[in-house]
């Protein structure tokens, strides 16, 4: 059985830079922190700027508008 786990460090850019734990080992599985994770359809990045989510929504809207044209 494969376990899918993701985790993210959040905070200001300075706070995230101070964290030096690169990998967490849990029951023999290595979990590497991600730059952004998806939670309930929303992309959350480490600095909580929501920039990846906004880019994805804007691209999707642009694609839908082009299909209407």
Foldseek 3Di string as FASTA:
>chain_A
DDDDDEAAAADAPVVVVPDDDQWDADPNDIYGYDQWDADPNQIAGRHRPSVVRVVVVVVVVVVVVVVVD
